[in-house]
Structure formats: C-alpha cells, structure tokens
C-alpha cells in the first residue's frame, strides 16, 4: 500500500503545480494548496505508510489516508475533469 500512497502524493503535488495555470481556479487551487501544506506538515515522512508505522497509530494512519484521498480526488477532478471517474483514489 505504501507505494500507492506515495504515488498519490506525487500526483497531488504535480497536479497542484499544473493547476496554477488554470484560469478561474486560483481560489480553489489556493485552498487545495493550503490543505496540502497542512497535510504535509503534520506527517513525518513515509514511515507511517509501513505496517509498523500504520500499526503504531492506526487512527492517525486512517486520518492521513482519508485526507490524502480527498486531496487526490479534488486535484485530479480539477486538472482532468473528463477522466475524474476512472482516476479516483479508490
């Protein structure tokens, strides 16, 4: 699961960089960027994406994955709305 979560984080980061150029989406991109920055600040590396890291604090792991899911779906929907369905986090 760790590599998939890492890939989702890369997609969010790259998607936010691409979204900066979208006309009329400045406010939405700014809000997503703020959520992304808060997510990255509260999490320490990828250690919690391991069995031991997730098991050490399962509630925090679930919260992190849920936050990442929301960010991923929002960013993919913003940068590629035509393909949003097949590219959702799940």
Protein backbone atom coordinates (compact mmCIF):
# COMPACT_ATOMS: atom_id res chain seq x y z
CA UNK A 1 0.00 0.00 0.00
CA UNK A 2 2.90 2.36 0.72
CA UNK A 3 3.99 2.76 -2.91
CA UNK A 4 0.42 3.55 -3.95
CA UNK A 5 0.10 6.21 -1.28
CA UNK A 6 3.45 7.69 -2.27
CA UNK A 7 2.28 7.77 -5.90
CA UNK A 8 -0.93 9.51 -4.81
CA UNK A 9 1.13 12.15 -3.02
CA UNK A 10 3.21 12.70 -6.14
CA UNK A 11 0.04 13.07 -8.21
CA UNK A 12 -1.31 15.69 -5.80
CA UNK A 13 1.95 17.66 -5.80
CA UNK A 14 2.29 17.55 -9.59
CA UNK A 15 -1.40 18.29 -10.09
CA UNK A 16 -1.26 21.37 -7.89
CA UNK A 17 1.73 22.61 -9.88
CA UNK A 18 -0.22 22.13 -13.14
CA UNK A 19 -3.37 23.68 -11.70
CA UNK A 20 -1.65 27.01 -11.04
CA UNK A 21 -2.13 27.84 -14.73
CA UNK A 22 -5.88 27.15 -14.81
CA UNK A 23 -7.84 30.31 -15.49
CA UNK A 24 -10.55 30.96 -12.91
CA UNK A 25 -9.35 28.29 -10.48
CA UNK A 26 -7.00 30.44 -8.44
CA UNK A 27 -9.10 30.42 -5.26
CA UNK A 28 -9.74 26.68 -5.41
CA UNK A 29 -6.06 25.96 -6.07
CA UNK A 30 -5.07 28.17 -3.13
CA UNK A 31 -7.43 26.29 -0.78
CA UNK A 32 -6.18 22.91 -2.01
CA UNK A 33 -2.58 24.08 -1.64
CA UNK A 34 -3.27 25.15 1.95
CA UNK A 35 -4.82 21.73 2.72
CA UNK A 36 -1.85 20.01 1.05
CA UNK A 37 0.67 22.05 3.02
CA UNK A 38 -1.15 21.28 6.29
CA UNK A 39 -1.24 17.57 5.44
CA UNK A 40 2.49 17.51 4.64
CA UNK A 41 3.40 19.50 7.77
CA UNK A 42 1.62 17.18 10.20
CA UNK A 43 3.03 13.97 8.76
CA UNK A 44 6.61 12.76 9.19
CA UNK A 45 7.86 11.13 6.00
CA UNK A 46 6.57 7.85 4.67
CA UNK A 47 7.25 5.83 7.84
CA UNK A 48 3.57 5.61 8.72
CA UNK A 49 2.91 4.01 5.33
CA UNK A 50 4.63 0.86 6.57
CA UNK A 51 2.94 -1.91 8.53
CA UNK A 52 4.80 -0.83 11.67
CA UNK A 53 4.11 2.86 11.17
CA UNK A 54 0.42 2.35 10.50
CA UNK A 55 0.10 -0.10 13.36
CA UNK A 56 1.73 2.29 15.81
CA UNK A 57 -1.13 4.76 15.40
CA UNK A 58 -3.87 3.28 13.26
CA UNK A 59 -6.28 6.17 13.81
CA UNK A 60 -3.70 8.68 12.57
CA UNK A 61 -2.95 6.49 9.57
CA UNK A 62 -6.63 6.28 8.64
CA UNK A 63 -6.97 10.06 9.04
CA UNK A 64 -3.94 10.64 6.82
CA UNK A 65 -5.18 8.29 4.11
CA UNK A 66 -8.64 9.90 4.20
CA UNK A 67 -7.11 13.36 3.87
CA UNK A 68 -4.90 12.21 1.01
CA UNK A 69 -7.91 10.62 -0.70
CA UNK A 70 -9.86 13.88 -0.58
CA UNK A 71 -6.93 15.91 -1.86
CA UNK A 72 -6.18 13.43 -4.63
CA UNK A 73 -9.76 13.33 -5.91
CA UNK A 74 -10.10 17.12 -5.73
CA UNK A 75 -6.85 17.75 -7.60
CA UNK A 76 -7.48 15.12 -10.28
CA UNK A 77 -11.01 16.46 -10.74
CA UNK A 78 -9.61 19.95 -11.14
CA UNK A 79 -6.87 19.19 -13.65
CA UNK A 80 -8.61 16.43 -15.64
CA UNK A 81 -12.37 16.50 -15.05
CA UNK A 82 -13.15 14.35 -18.10
CA UNK A 83 -11.24 11.41 -16.62
CA UNK A 84 -12.02 12.02 -12.96
CA UNK A 85 -14.20 8.93 -12.55
CA UNK A 86 -11.63 6.32 -13.63
CA UNK A 87 -8.81 8.12 -11.80
CA UNK A 88 -10.37 8.46 -8.37
CA UNK A 89 -8.34 7.43 -5.36
CA UNK A 90 -10.19 4.18 -4.73
